[in-house]
Protein backbone atom coordinates (compact mmCIF):
# COMPACT_ATOMS: atom_id res chain seq x y z
CA MET A 1 -4.29 50.56 16.58
CA LYS A 2 -2.29 49.07 13.69
CA ILE A 3 -0.36 46.00 14.04
CA ARG A 4 2.61 45.69 11.63
CA PHE A 5 4.61 42.86 10.64
CA ASP A 6 8.27 42.76 9.52
CA MET A 7 8.77 40.41 6.96
CA SER A 8 12.53 40.84 6.52
CA ASN A 9 13.67 38.62 8.64
CA SER A 10 11.44 35.73 7.43
CA ALA A 11 12.55 36.45 3.54
CA ASP A 12 15.95 36.46 4.74
CA TRP A 13 15.81 33.09 6.45
CA LEU A 14 14.04 32.01 3.61
CA LYS A 15 16.48 33.25 0.96
CA ARG A 16 19.26 31.59 3.00
CA PHE A 17 17.31 28.46 3.44
CA SER A 18 16.70 28.39 -0.57
CA GLU A 19 20.65 28.92 -1.07
CA PHE A 20 21.36 25.84 1.56
CA LEU A 21 19.05 23.66 -0.69
CA ASN A 22 20.39 24.56 -3.78
CA PRO A 23 20.48 21.74 -6.93
CA GLU A 24 24.22 20.63 -5.58
CA ARG A 25 23.34 20.00 -2.40
CA MET A 26 20.06 18.10 -3.16
CA LYS A 27 21.95 15.41 -5.32
CA TYR A 28 22.82 14.17 -2.07
CA ALA A 29 19.54 12.79 -1.56
CA TRP A 30 20.20 10.97 -5.13
CA LEU A 31 23.28 9.62 -3.79
CA ILE A 32 21.96 8.32 -0.28
CA GLY A 33 18.99 6.97 -2.12
CA GLY A 34 20.99 5.42 -4.81
CA ALA A 35 23.31 3.60 -2.06
CA ILE A 36 19.98 2.09 -0.45
CA TRP A 37 18.69 0.76 -3.44
CA PHE A 38 22.31 -0.65 -4.23
CA ALA A 39 22.73 -2.28 -1.32
CA TRP A 40 18.96 -3.82 -1.42
CA PHE A 41 20.08 -5.04 -4.78
CA VAL A 42 23.57 -6.88 -3.59
CA ASN A 43 21.25 -7.92 -0.69
CA ILE A 44 18.60 -9.90 -2.51
CA SER A 45 20.86 -10.67 -5.53
CA LEU A 46 23.61 -12.55 -3.44
CA GLY A 47 21.16 -14.28 -1.09
CA THR A 48 20.16 -18.23 -1.44
CA GLY A 49 17.11 -19.37 -3.27
CA ASN A 50 14.15 -16.99 -1.54
CA TYR A 51 16.04 -15.55 0.97
CA ASP A 52 18.67 -12.61 0.98
CA LEU A 53 21.75 -12.39 2.43
CA ALA A 54 20.37 -11.77 5.86
CA GLY A 55 18.06 -14.89 5.56
CA GLN A 56 14.85 -13.04 5.56
CA PRO A 57 12.21 -13.95 2.97
CA LEU A 58 12.77 -11.72 -0.37
CA GLY A 59 9.64 -8.85 -0.46
CA GLY A 60 8.66 -9.51 3.32
CA ASP A 61 5.21 -9.06 2.98
CA TYR A 62 4.73 -10.29 -0.31
CA VAL A 63 4.80 -13.96 0.54
CA ASP A 64 1.11 -13.68 2.01
CA PHE A 65 0.22 -12.30 -1.11
CA HIS A 66 1.74 -15.00 -3.32
CA ALA A 67 0.47 -17.68 -0.92
CA ALA A 68 -2.99 -16.63 -1.58
CA GLY A 69 -2.79 -16.44 -5.17
CA VAL A 70 -1.36 -20.24 -4.77
CA THR A 71 -4.54 -21.08 -3.01
CA ILE A 72 -7.21 -19.69 -5.07
CA ASN A 73 -5.05 -21.71 -8.19
CA ARG A 74 -5.45 -24.77 -6.10
CA GLY A 75 -8.99 -24.61 -5.85
CA GLU A 76 -8.76 -24.26 -2.42
CA THR A 77 -10.40 -20.63 -1.50
CA ASP A 78 -11.84 -22.12 1.69
CA ARG A 79 -8.56 -22.32 2.86
CA LEU A 80 -7.73 -18.58 2.28
CA TYR A 81 -7.73 -17.67 6.29
CA ASP A 82 -6.77 -21.20 7.61
CA PHE A 83 -3.73 -19.74 9.29
CA ASP A 84 -2.04 -22.81 9.57
CA TYR A 85 -2.47 -24.15 6.24
CA GLN A 86 -0.93 -20.41 5.05
CA ARG A 87 1.97 -21.20 7.47
CA LEU A 88 2.92 -24.58 5.79
CA LEU A 89 2.22 -23.08 2.31
CA GLN A 90 4.40 -20.38 2.85
CA PHE A 91 7.26 -22.49 4.10
CA ASP A 92 6.93 -24.50 1.20
CA ILE A 93 6.88 -21.62 -1.19
CA LEU A 94 9.79 -20.12 -0.02
CA GLY A 95 11.66 -23.58 0.78
CA GLY A 96 12.59 -23.17 4.05
CA GLU A 97 11.35 -21.89 7.31
CA PHE A 98 11.55 -18.01 8.67
CA ASN A 99 14.22 -17.35 11.12
CA SER A 100 11.60 -16.50 14.04
CA SER A 101 8.41 -17.79 14.94
CA ASP A 102 6.56 -14.59 14.98
CA ALA A 103 7.74 -13.66 11.13
CA TYR A 104 4.26 -15.40 9.63
CA ASN A 105 2.32 -13.17 7.53
CA ALA A 106 -1.05 -13.69 7.75
CA LEU A 107 -3.33 -12.53 5.12
CA ILE A 108 -5.56 -9.92 6.32
CA THR A 109 -6.90 -8.36 3.16
CA PRO A 110 -10.75 -9.47 1.74
CA PRO A 111 -10.67 -12.22 -0.33
CA HIS A 112 -11.39 -10.68 -3.53
CA TYR A 113 -8.26 -8.71 -3.21
CA SER A 114 -6.29 -12.09 -3.84
CA PHE A 115 -7.39 -11.85 -7.27
CA PRO A 116 -4.48 -10.13 -9.00
CA PHE A 117 -2.01 -12.78 -7.60
CA ILE A 118 -4.01 -15.71 -9.19
CA PHE A 119 -1.52 -14.53 -12.29
CA LEU A 120 1.59 -13.52 -10.62
CA SER A 121 1.35 -16.66 -8.24
CA ARG A 122 1.79 -18.57 -11.54
CA PHE A 123 5.39 -17.79 -11.66
CA SER A 124 8.45 -18.62 -9.19
CA TYR A 125 8.40 -16.60 -5.85
CA ARG A 126 11.31 -14.78 -7.16
CA VAL A 127 9.77 -13.64 -10.66
CA SER A 128 6.51 -13.38 -9.09
CA PHE A 129 7.88 -10.58 -6.45
CA ILE A 130 9.79 -8.67 -9.12
CA LEU A 131 6.62 -8.44 -11.19
CA TRP A 132 4.85 -7.09 -8.55
CA SER A 133 7.81 -4.73 -7.57
CA LEU A 134 7.59 -3.49 -11.48
CA ILE A 135 4.11 -3.09 -10.73
CA GLY A 136 4.56 -0.66 -8.06
CA LEU A 137 6.70 1.48 -9.76
CA VAL A 138 4.18 1.95 -12.65
CA PHE A 139 1.59 2.66 -9.94
CA VAL A 140 4.14 5.43 -8.70
CA PHE A 141 4.59 7.02 -12.05
CA ALA A 142 1.07 6.89 -12.97
CA SER A 143 0.03 8.84 -9.77
CA ILE A 144 2.66 11.18 -10.73
CA LEU A 145 0.82 11.78 -14.34
CA LEU A 146 -2.55 11.52 -12.79
CA THR A 147 -1.84 14.57 -10.29
CA LYS A 148 -0.39 16.49 -13.06
CA ILE A 149 2.66 17.46 -11.66
CA ASP A 150 5.38 19.53 -13.64
CA HIS A 151 8.24 17.26 -15.10
CA PRO A 152 6.70 13.96 -14.29
CA LYS A 153 9.98 12.04 -14.97
CA ARG A 154 12.16 14.30 -12.80
CA VAL A 155 9.70 13.69 -9.94
CA PHE A 156 9.47 10.04 -10.52
CA ILE A 157 13.37 9.82 -9.85
CA TRP A 158 13.31 12.04 -7.19
CA SER A 159 10.34 9.44 -5.62
CA LEU A 160 12.91 6.79 -5.45
CA SER A 161 15.00 8.60 -2.99
CA TYR A 162 11.82 8.48 -0.73
CA PHE A 163 12.34 6.13 1.85
CA PRO A 164 8.27 5.13 1.89
CA VAL A 165 8.44 4.16 -1.61
CA PHE A 166 11.33 1.89 -0.87
CA ALA A 167 10.02 0.30 1.93
CA ALA A 168 6.78 -0.35 0.06
CA ILE A 169 8.83 -1.78 -3.00
CA SER A 170 11.66 -3.88 -0.83
CA PHE A 171 9.03 -5.04 1.80
CA GLY A 172 6.52 -6.17 -0.97
CA GLN A 173 3.72 -4.20 0.57
CA ASN A 174 0.28 -3.28 -1.47
CA SER A 175 0.92 0.57 -0.12
CA LEU A 176 1.90 1.60 -3.98
CA LEU A 177 -1.58 -0.05 -5.07
CA SER A 178 -2.89 2.04 -2.43
CA LEU A 179 -1.73 5.01 -4.05
CA GLY A 180 -2.55 4.43 -7.62
CA LEU A 181 -6.06 3.98 -6.44
CA PHE A 182 -6.15 7.00 -4.43
CA SER A 183 -4.67 9.14 -7.15
CA LEU A 184 -7.55 8.10 -9.78
CA THR A 185 -9.81 9.03 -6.74
CA TYR A 186 -8.47 12.42 -6.89
CA TYR A 187 -7.95 12.61 -10.81
CA PHE A 188 -11.59 12.09 -11.19
CA TRP A 189 -13.03 14.09 -8.41
CA ASP A 190 -10.68 17.29 -9.52
CA ARG A 191 -11.01 17.12 -13.01
CA LYS A 192 -12.62 20.04 -14.62
CA SER A 193 -15.35 18.55 -17.46
CA ASP A 194 -18.68 18.93 -18.66
CA ASN A 195 -19.89 15.33 -17.21
CA LEU A 196 -19.32 15.93 -13.50
CA ASP A 197 -21.88 13.35 -12.48
CA THR A 198 -19.83 10.80 -14.70
CA ASP A 199 -16.57 11.94 -12.74
CA LEU A 200 -17.87 11.86 -9.25
CA PHE A 201 -19.24 8.29 -10.11
CA LEU A 202 -15.70 7.13 -10.77
CA SER A 203 -14.51 8.84 -8.29
CA GLY A 204 -15.99 7.19 -5.97
CA LEU A 205 -16.12 3.97 -7.68
CA PHE A 206 -12.28 4.13 -7.44
CA ALA A 207 -12.32 4.90 -3.58
CA SER A 208 -14.53 1.72 -3.19
CA PHE A 209 -11.22 -0.37 -3.95
CA LEU A 210 -9.52 1.46 -1.07
CA LEU A 211 -11.94 0.04 1.19
CA TYR A 212 -9.58 -2.73 2.37
CA LYS A 213 -7.67 0.23 4.41
CA PRO A 214 -10.54 2.20 5.68
CA GLN A 215 -8.49 4.48 7.47
CA ILE A 216 -7.91 6.36 4.30
CA VAL A 217 -11.35 5.95 2.85
CA LEU A 218 -12.51 7.81 6.08
CA GLY A 219 -10.50 10.76 5.22
CA ILE A 220 -11.84 10.82 1.82
CA VAL A 221 -15.92 10.17 3.13
CA LEU A 222 -15.28 13.57 5.50
CA LEU A 223 -14.46 15.61 2.51
CA TRP A 224 -17.03 14.76 0.33
CA LEU A 225 -19.47 15.20 3.58
CA PHE A 226 -18.24 18.71 3.83
CA ASN A 227 -18.97 19.25 0.29
CA PHE A 228 -22.49 17.14 0.21
CA LYS A 229 -24.19 19.48 -2.18
CA ARG A 230 -21.50 18.36 -4.88
CA ASP A 231 -19.82 15.14 -4.07
CA TRP A 232 -23.01 13.16 -2.73
CA ARG A 233 -22.81 11.42 -6.29
CA ALA A 234 -19.35 10.39 -4.97
CA LEU A 235 -20.29 8.97 -1.59
CA VAL A 236 -23.06 7.00 -3.58
CA SER A 237 -21.03 5.08 -6.14
CA LEU A 238 -18.32 4.44 -2.87
CA GLY A 239 -21.45 2.49 -1.53
CA PHE A 240 -22.35 0.76 -4.62
CA GLY A 241 -18.80 -0.04 -5.48
CA GLY A 242 -18.28 -2.02 -2.01
CA LEU A 243 -21.78 -3.40 -2.13
CA ILE A 244 -20.75 -5.00 -5.58
CA GLN A 245 -17.68 -6.19 -4.53
CA ALA A 246 -18.89 -7.85 -1.11
CA GLY A 247 -21.58 -9.40 -3.20
CA LEU A 248 -19.00 -10.84 -5.60
CA SER A 249 -16.58 -11.91 -2.91
CA PHE A 250 -19.31 -13.85 -1.27
CA TRP A 251 -20.60 -15.12 -4.63
CA LEU A 252 -17.38 -16.51 -5.84
CA MET A 253 -15.78 -17.47 -2.39
CA PRO A 254 -18.45 -17.73 0.29
CA LYS A 255 -16.71 -19.33 2.71
CA ALA A 256 -13.48 -17.61 2.83
CA SER A 257 -15.87 -14.18 2.68
CA ILE A 258 -17.56 -15.51 5.97
CA ASP A 259 -14.04 -16.13 7.21
CA TYR A 260 -12.73 -12.68 6.75
CA PHE A 261 -15.99 -11.10 8.29
CA TYR A 262 -15.50 -13.24 11.58
CA LEU A 263 -11.63 -12.14 11.25
CA ALA A 264 -12.44 -8.51 10.62
CA LYS A 265 -14.89 -8.64 13.38
CA SER A 266 -12.93 -10.71 15.86
CA VAL A 267 -9.33 -10.59 15.48
CA LEU A 268 -8.19 -7.80 13.50
CA PRO A 269 -9.44 -5.21 16.12
CA SER A 270 -6.94 -6.59 18.90
CA LEU A 271 -4.08 -7.76 16.06
CA LEU A 272 -1.72 -5.33 17.71
CA GLN A 273 -2.16 -6.55 21.39
CA GLU A 274 -1.42 -10.39 20.13
CA SER A 275 1.36 -11.96 22.07
CA GLY A 276 4.19 -12.22 19.73
CA TYR A 277 3.13 -9.49 16.98
CA PRO A 278 5.78 -7.28 15.55
CA ILE A 279 4.14 -4.00 16.43
CA TRP A 280 7.56 -2.46 16.55
CA HIS A 281 7.14 -3.01 12.80
CA SER A 282 3.46 -1.34 12.40
CA TYR A 283 3.64 2.02 10.75
CA ASN A 284 0.16 3.46 11.99
CA LEU A 285 -1.24 5.95 14.59
CA ARG A 286 -2.59 3.71 16.65
CA ALA A 287 0.72 1.09 16.62
CA PHE A 288 2.61 4.46 17.57
CA TRP A 289 -0.01 5.29 20.84
CA LEU A 290 0.21 1.71 21.77
CA LEU A 291 4.07 1.97 21.96
CA LEU A 292 4.05 5.06 23.38
CA LEU A 293 1.31 4.47 26.27
CA PRO A 294 1.05 0.49 26.31
């Protein structure tokens, strides 16, 4: 018995859908995206000091990165994970206090990930946040180039209408740094060159810088395990890069590294269940299920 599929209805549906998403209609995304960016610019430009019109700190999450850079510049790396000290430091940087007691942003990344902010924190907080935002946009454009997408400039403009890009910039997050590292990992892993060993080594090395977000690295490791015969070099490089980073961290900042080890072991696993933690503001699968089935 032969089973025949009638694809005519599907073809008609796709044609109608394509006509609906014509260039004129798709410009609505640019208009909506532009309105969001414009409203945000007005909000932060007319705010007072390091706060926006709503009284919220500029950059949100960025304040803990900036404070970490200030801490290192002061030669006080032993206090990177001293939450009371960091809280007071953030209040001092912002020139005031947060509107709510649970708005304090604790540093939860490994200590050596604070190195880029040694330079950025030498500027005023507002200027530092602007520079960090521009660096994030550079990561977006570089990622588009690394993935060899056609018409990269056009795609970059389109990416600005994608809400997660706006959120990463406006919240001062490090998500776009992760995007850049992930794109570099993909670029060298997928590159068709004669020097496969070097490409896979570089792919694993860049992946090791993503270890501060293990949920991303887990997917990469699974991919490489499925193709172990080819990608074992990348796995070795990933482990090597992680060990080198850990060694440098413990060598340069031993107290902070030990504190982070305790934080990762004893605090972070139960962070979402902490009293007062804004779980509604967490964008991950674990937070989703905890909200749905507390």
